[in-house]
Amino acid sequence: MLRLRAWGGRYLCEMADLTRAVPLLRSTLADQERVLGAGHPHILESRNNLAAAYQLAGDLGRAVPLMAATLADCERLLGAEHPTTLRFRNNLATAHYTAGDLGRAIPLYEQTLATRERVLGADHSHTLAARNNLAVAYEAAGGLGRAVPLLEATLADRERVLSADHPDTLASRNNLAGAYQAAGDLGRAIPLFEAALADCERVLSADHPTTRIVRRNLGSAIGRSTRDMVEPRADLAEGLGVEEDAAGRRSL
């Protein structure tokens, strides 16, 4: 029954029904701690999922400390290189990123990427996700000189490993176009946004959330190109970038 309740909480998160998800995940965690004990692996997952629900609800004041405590327990119980530990480290980095705390997010993303490359290999899908996340964080911090080459490499690797039409590859195409736009290189940004939009409409549908984001980004880039002669701006594309391996996983 507890596992069913935990699954129900995750499902409600995925449906963005956070008013029901958060209380269900909170009560499930309390009952699991009482029945299973604080060190049980299911407890770690439930704490991670509750923290993710807090984050989705915008309650970072609860999400970040719970993720940090969960990561510390996971490192102690499972080890620093366990796949679950790597996932939780990525999630904590993403929470810091969402909170605008790039000084904490970037080192965690760097650590996650380095460990995934060593443990999983450079071509593993989780490694590619970690590379994407780090590049997006670099861009948010103004480090386009590091972000653009990393996004270019990630897109090339995703096209080679996952295929040109994989949703993660489509996200990478959008993210690279956004970085080109942020760097003022609209000559490369606009054609890449156009290609990404055409692929999203063909693969995902015209009304898919990712397609709508790419469409808005293309409109922003085209609008900027017509205004630059009068009003130069440094608008960033709406990112698809940070991927969370948690309840309510997203591929931005």
Protein backbone atom coordinates (compact mmCIF):
# COMPACT_ATOMS: atom_id res chain seq x y z
CA MET A 1 0.00 0.00 0.00
CA LEU A 2 2.84 2.41 0.81
CA ARG A 3 4.46 1.77 -2.57
CA LEU A 4 1.12 2.38 -4.28
CA ARG A 5 0.71 5.65 -2.42
CA ALA A 6 4.25 6.68 -3.40
CA TRP A 7 3.48 5.89 -7.03
CA GLY A 8 0.26 7.90 -6.76
CA GLY A 9 2.19 10.90 -5.46
CA ARG A 10 4.63 10.71 -8.36
CA TYR A 11 1.77 10.44 -10.83
CA LEU A 12 0.06 13.51 -9.38
CA CYS A 13 3.36 15.40 -9.72
CA GLU A 14 3.60 14.40 -13.36
CA MET A 15 0.04 15.65 -13.85
CA ALA A 16 1.04 18.93 -12.09
CA ASP A 17 -1.65 18.30 -9.45
CA LEU A 18 0.58 19.56 -6.67
CA THR A 19 -2.23 20.47 -4.27
CA ARG A 20 -2.89 16.73 -3.92
CA ALA A 21 0.63 15.46 -4.62
CA VAL A 22 2.43 17.27 -1.81
CA PRO A 23 0.16 16.11 1.07
CA LEU A 24 0.12 12.55 -0.29
CA LEU A 25 3.90 12.39 -0.64
CA ARG A 26 4.38 13.95 2.80
CA SER A 27 2.06 11.49 4.55
CA THR A 28 3.52 8.56 2.63
CA LEU A 29 7.04 9.53 3.69
CA ALA A 30 6.01 9.81 7.34
CA ASP A 31 4.41 6.35 7.27
CA GLN A 32 7.40 4.83 5.46
CA GLU A 33 9.79 6.25 8.05
CA ARG A 34 7.64 4.77 10.80
CA VAL A 35 7.29 1.33 9.18
CA LEU A 36 10.55 0.85 7.27
CA GLY A 37 13.07 2.95 9.17
CA ALA A 38 15.00 6.02 8.08
CA GLY A 39 17.74 4.10 6.22
CA HIS A 40 15.51 2.13 3.85
CA PRO A 41 16.09 2.84 0.13
CA HIS A 42 12.39 3.57 -0.38
CA ILE A 43 12.73 6.37 2.17
CA LEU A 44 15.44 8.04 0.10
CA GLU A 45 13.28 7.91 -3.02
CA SER A 46 10.25 9.25 -1.18
CA ARG A 47 12.23 12.11 0.30
CA ASN A 48 13.61 12.94 -3.13
CA ASN A 49 10.11 12.88 -4.63
CA LEU A 50 8.68 15.09 -1.90
CA ALA A 51 11.52 17.56 -2.39
CA ALA A 52 10.87 17.53 -6.15
CA ALA A 53 7.20 18.24 -5.51
CA TYR A 54 8.14 21.16 -3.28
CA GLN A 55 10.37 22.47 -6.06
CA LEU A 56 7.65 22.15 -8.68
CA ALA A 57 5.33 24.03 -6.33
CA GLY A 58 7.90 26.82 -6.02
CA ASP A 59 8.65 26.06 -2.37
CA LEU A 60 12.44 26.07 -2.66
CA GLY A 61 12.80 26.87 1.02
CA ARG A 62 11.67 23.31 1.73
CA ALA A 63 12.96 21.65 -1.42
CA VAL A 64 16.64 22.59 -1.14
CA PRO A 65 17.27 21.51 2.48
CA LEU A 66 15.40 18.25 1.95
CA MET A 67 17.37 17.49 -1.21
CA ALA A 68 20.65 18.31 0.53
CA ALA A 69 19.82 16.03 3.47
CA THR A 70 18.69 13.25 1.14
CA LEU A 71 21.88 13.48 -0.90
CA ALA A 72 24.03 13.32 2.24
CA ASP A 73 22.19 10.20 3.44
CA CYS A 74 22.44 8.63 -0.01
CA GLU A 75 26.20 9.22 -0.13
CA ARG A 76 26.55 7.65 3.32
CA LEU A 77 24.32 4.64 2.65
CA LEU A 78 24.94 3.89 -1.04
CA GLY A 79 28.23 5.60 -1.83
CA ALA A 80 29.24 8.71 -3.73
CA GLU A 81 29.19 7.02 -7.16
CA HIS A 82 25.96 5.04 -6.89
CA PRO A 83 23.52 5.89 -9.73
CA THR A 84 20.90 7.03 -7.23
CA THR A 85 23.43 9.31 -5.55
CA LEU A 86 24.34 10.82 -8.92
CA ARG A 87 20.67 11.39 -9.67
CA PHE A 88 20.08 13.09 -6.33
CA ARG A 89 23.18 15.26 -6.78
CA ASN A 90 21.84 16.40 -10.14
CA ASN A 91 18.47 17.17 -8.53
CA LEU A 92 20.07 19.29 -5.80
CA ALA A 93 22.07 21.18 -8.44
CA THR A 94 18.85 21.79 -10.34
CA ALA A 95 17.13 23.11 -7.23
CA HIS A 96 19.99 25.57 -6.66
CA TYR A 97 19.81 26.51 -10.36
CA THR A 98 16.07 27.14 -10.07
CA ALA A 99 16.70 29.28 -6.99
CA GLY A 100 19.25 31.33 -8.93
CA ASP A 101 22.13 30.09 -6.78
CA LEU A 102 24.54 29.31 -9.60
CA GLY A 103 27.54 29.40 -7.28
CA ARG A 104 26.26 26.20 -5.68
CA ALA A 105 24.61 24.69 -8.74
CA ILE A 106 27.60 24.75 -11.08
CA PRO A 107 30.07 22.83 -8.86
CA LEU A 108 27.42 20.15 -8.26
CA TYR A 109 26.75 19.87 -11.98
CA GLU A 110 30.50 19.68 -12.66
CA GLN A 111 30.89 16.93 -10.07
CA THR A 112 27.91 15.02 -11.48
CA LEU A 113 29.26 15.20 -15.01
CA ALA A 114 32.77 14.11 -14.05
CA THR A 115 31.47 11.14 -12.07
CA ARG A 116 29.00 10.06 -14.74
CA GLU A 117 31.70 10.20 -17.41
CA ARG A 118 33.93 8.01 -15.25
CA VAL A 119 31.26 5.57 -14.04
CA LEU A 120 28.74 5.44 -16.91
CA GLY A 121 30.84 6.48 -19.89
CA ALA A 122 30.83 9.55 -22.10
CA ASP A 123 27.96 8.36 -24.33
CA HIS A 124 25.49 7.29 -21.64
CA SER A 125 22.22 9.22 -21.84
CA HIS A 126 22.59 10.37 -18.21
CA THR A 127 26.08 11.66 -18.96
CA LEU A 128 24.76 13.60 -21.94
CA ALA A 129 22.03 15.03 -19.71
CA ALA A 130 24.63 16.11 -17.16
CA ARG A 131 26.67 17.79 -19.88
CA ASN A 132 23.58 19.64 -21.09
CA ASN A 133 22.71 20.75 -17.56
CA LEU A 134 26.19 22.10 -16.90
CA ALA A 135 26.21 24.00 -20.19
CA VAL A 136 22.85 25.60 -19.42
CA ALA A 137 24.13 26.64 -15.99
CA TYR A 138 27.28 28.12 -17.54
CA GLU A 139 25.09 30.14 -19.91
CA ALA A 140 22.90 31.37 -17.06
CA ALA A 141 26.05 32.53 -15.27
CA GLY A 142 27.16 34.47 -18.36
CA GLY A 143 29.83 31.95 -19.32
CA LEU A 144 28.96 31.65 -23.00
CA GLY A 145 32.57 30.84 -23.86
CA ARG A 146 32.16 27.59 -21.95
CA ALA A 147 28.46 27.03 -22.63
CA VAL A 148 28.44 27.17 -26.43
CA PRO A 149 31.16 24.54 -27.12
CA LEU A 150 29.62 22.23 -24.52
CA LEU A 151 26.16 22.59 -26.04
CA GLU A 152 27.57 22.01 -29.53
CA ALA A 153 29.30 18.83 -28.37
CA THR A 154 26.20 17.63 -26.53
CA LEU A 155 24.00 18.12 -29.58
CA ALA A 156 26.45 16.27 -31.81
CA ASP A 157 26.69 13.39 -29.33
CA ARG A 158 22.92 13.16 -28.88
CA GLU A 159 22.41 13.09 -32.63
CA ARG A 160 24.98 10.28 -32.89
CA VAL A 161 23.90 8.26 -29.83
CA LEU A 162 20.16 8.91 -29.51
CA SER A 163 19.17 9.91 -33.09
CA ALA A 164 18.31 13.27 -34.63
CA ASP A 165 14.62 12.97 -33.67
CA HIS A 166 15.00 11.96 -30.03
CA PRO A 167 13.26 14.43 -27.66
CA ASP A 168 16.55 15.08 -25.84
CA THR A 169 18.19 15.90 -29.17
CA LEU A 170 15.38 18.31 -30.01
CA ALA A 171 15.91 19.97 -26.63
CA SER A 172 19.65 20.26 -27.28
CA ARG A 173 18.99 21.89 -30.65
CA ASN A 174 16.80 24.49 -28.94
CA ASN A 175 19.33 25.05 -26.18
CA LEU A 176 22.20 25.61 -28.60
CA ALA A 177 20.11 28.04 -30.65
CA GLY A 178 19.32 29.92 -27.44
CA ALA A 179 23.00 30.16 -26.58
CA TYR A 180 23.77 31.49 -30.06
CA GLN A 181 21.05 34.08 -29.54
CA ALA A 182 22.44 35.04 -26.13
CA ALA A 183 25.84 35.50 -27.79
CA GLY A 184 24.28 37.79 -30.40
CA ASP A 185 24.84 35.30 -33.22
CA LEU A 186 21.37 35.45 -34.77
CA GLY A 187 22.75 34.23 -38.09
CA ARG A 188 23.17 30.81 -36.48
CA ALA A 189 20.39 31.05 -33.89
CA ILE A 190 17.43 31.66 -36.19
CA PRO A 191 18.11 28.83 -38.72
CA LEU A 192 18.68 26.42 -35.84
CA PHE A 193 15.46 27.48 -34.11
CA GLU A 194 13.65 27.05 -37.45
CA ALA A 195 15.05 23.55 -37.89
CA ALA A 196 14.23 22.66 -34.27
CA LEU A 197 10.67 23.89 -34.68
CA ALA A 198 10.12 21.94 -37.89
CA ASP A 199 11.46 18.78 -36.23
CA CYS A 200 9.36 19.29 -33.10
CA GLU A 201 6.19 19.78 -35.13
CA ARG A 202 6.96 16.64 -37.15
CA VAL A 203 8.04 14.42 -34.25
CA LEU A 204 6.09 15.72 -31.24
CA SER A 205 3.07 17.58 -32.74
CA ALA A 206 2.33 21.26 -33.18
CA ASP A 207 0.77 21.61 -29.72
CA HIS A 208 3.39 19.74 -27.68
CA PRO A 209 4.82 21.87 -24.81
CA THR A 210 8.33 21.62 -26.23
CA THR A 211 7.10 22.70 -29.67
CA ARG A 212 5.36 25.71 -28.17
CA ILE A 213 8.53 26.74 -26.33
CA VAL A 214 10.67 26.46 -29.45
CA ARG A 215 8.08 28.43 -31.42
CA ARG A 216 8.19 31.24 -28.85
CA ASN A 217 11.97 31.20 -28.89
CA LEU A 218 12.04 31.50 -32.66
CA GLY A 219 9.61 34.42 -32.50
CA SER A 220 11.81 36.10 -29.90
CA ALA A 221 14.92 35.65 -32.03
CA ILE A 222 13.22 36.98 -35.16
CA GLY A 223 11.81 39.92 -33.22
CA ARG A 224 15.22 40.71 -31.82
CA SER A 225 16.78 40.63 -35.29
CA THR A 226 14.34 43.33 -36.46
CA ARG A 227 14.99 45.52 -33.40
CA ASP A 228 18.75 45.22 -33.05
CA MET A 229 19.46 48.21 -35.27
CA VAL A 230 17.46 50.42 -32.89
CA GLU A 231 17.48 48.67 -29.54
CA PRO A 232 20.16 46.03 -28.92
CA ARG A 233 19.09 43.60 -26.25
CA ALA A 234 20.50 40.56 -24.49
CA ASP A 235 17.34 38.46 -24.29
CA LEU A 236 17.88 34.80 -23.48
CA ALA A 237 15.86 32.10 -25.16
CA GLU A 238 13.37 30.34 -22.97
CA GLY A 239 15.42 27.30 -22.05
CA LEU A 240 14.52 23.67 -22.32
CA GLY A 241 17.74 22.83 -20.57
CA VAL A 242 17.78 21.30 -17.10
CA GLU A 243 16.70 17.71 -16.86
CA GLU A 244 15.60 16.31 -13.54
CA ASP A 245 15.60 12.60 -12.73
CA ALA A 246 12.90 13.03 -10.14
CA ALA A 247 9.17 13.16 -9.73
CA GLY A 248 7.96 15.46 -12.44
CA ARG A 249 11.00 14.92 -14.60
CA ARG A 250 11.37 17.60 -17.24
CA SER A 251 13.60 18.09 -20.18
CA LEU A 252 13.92 21.81 -20.61
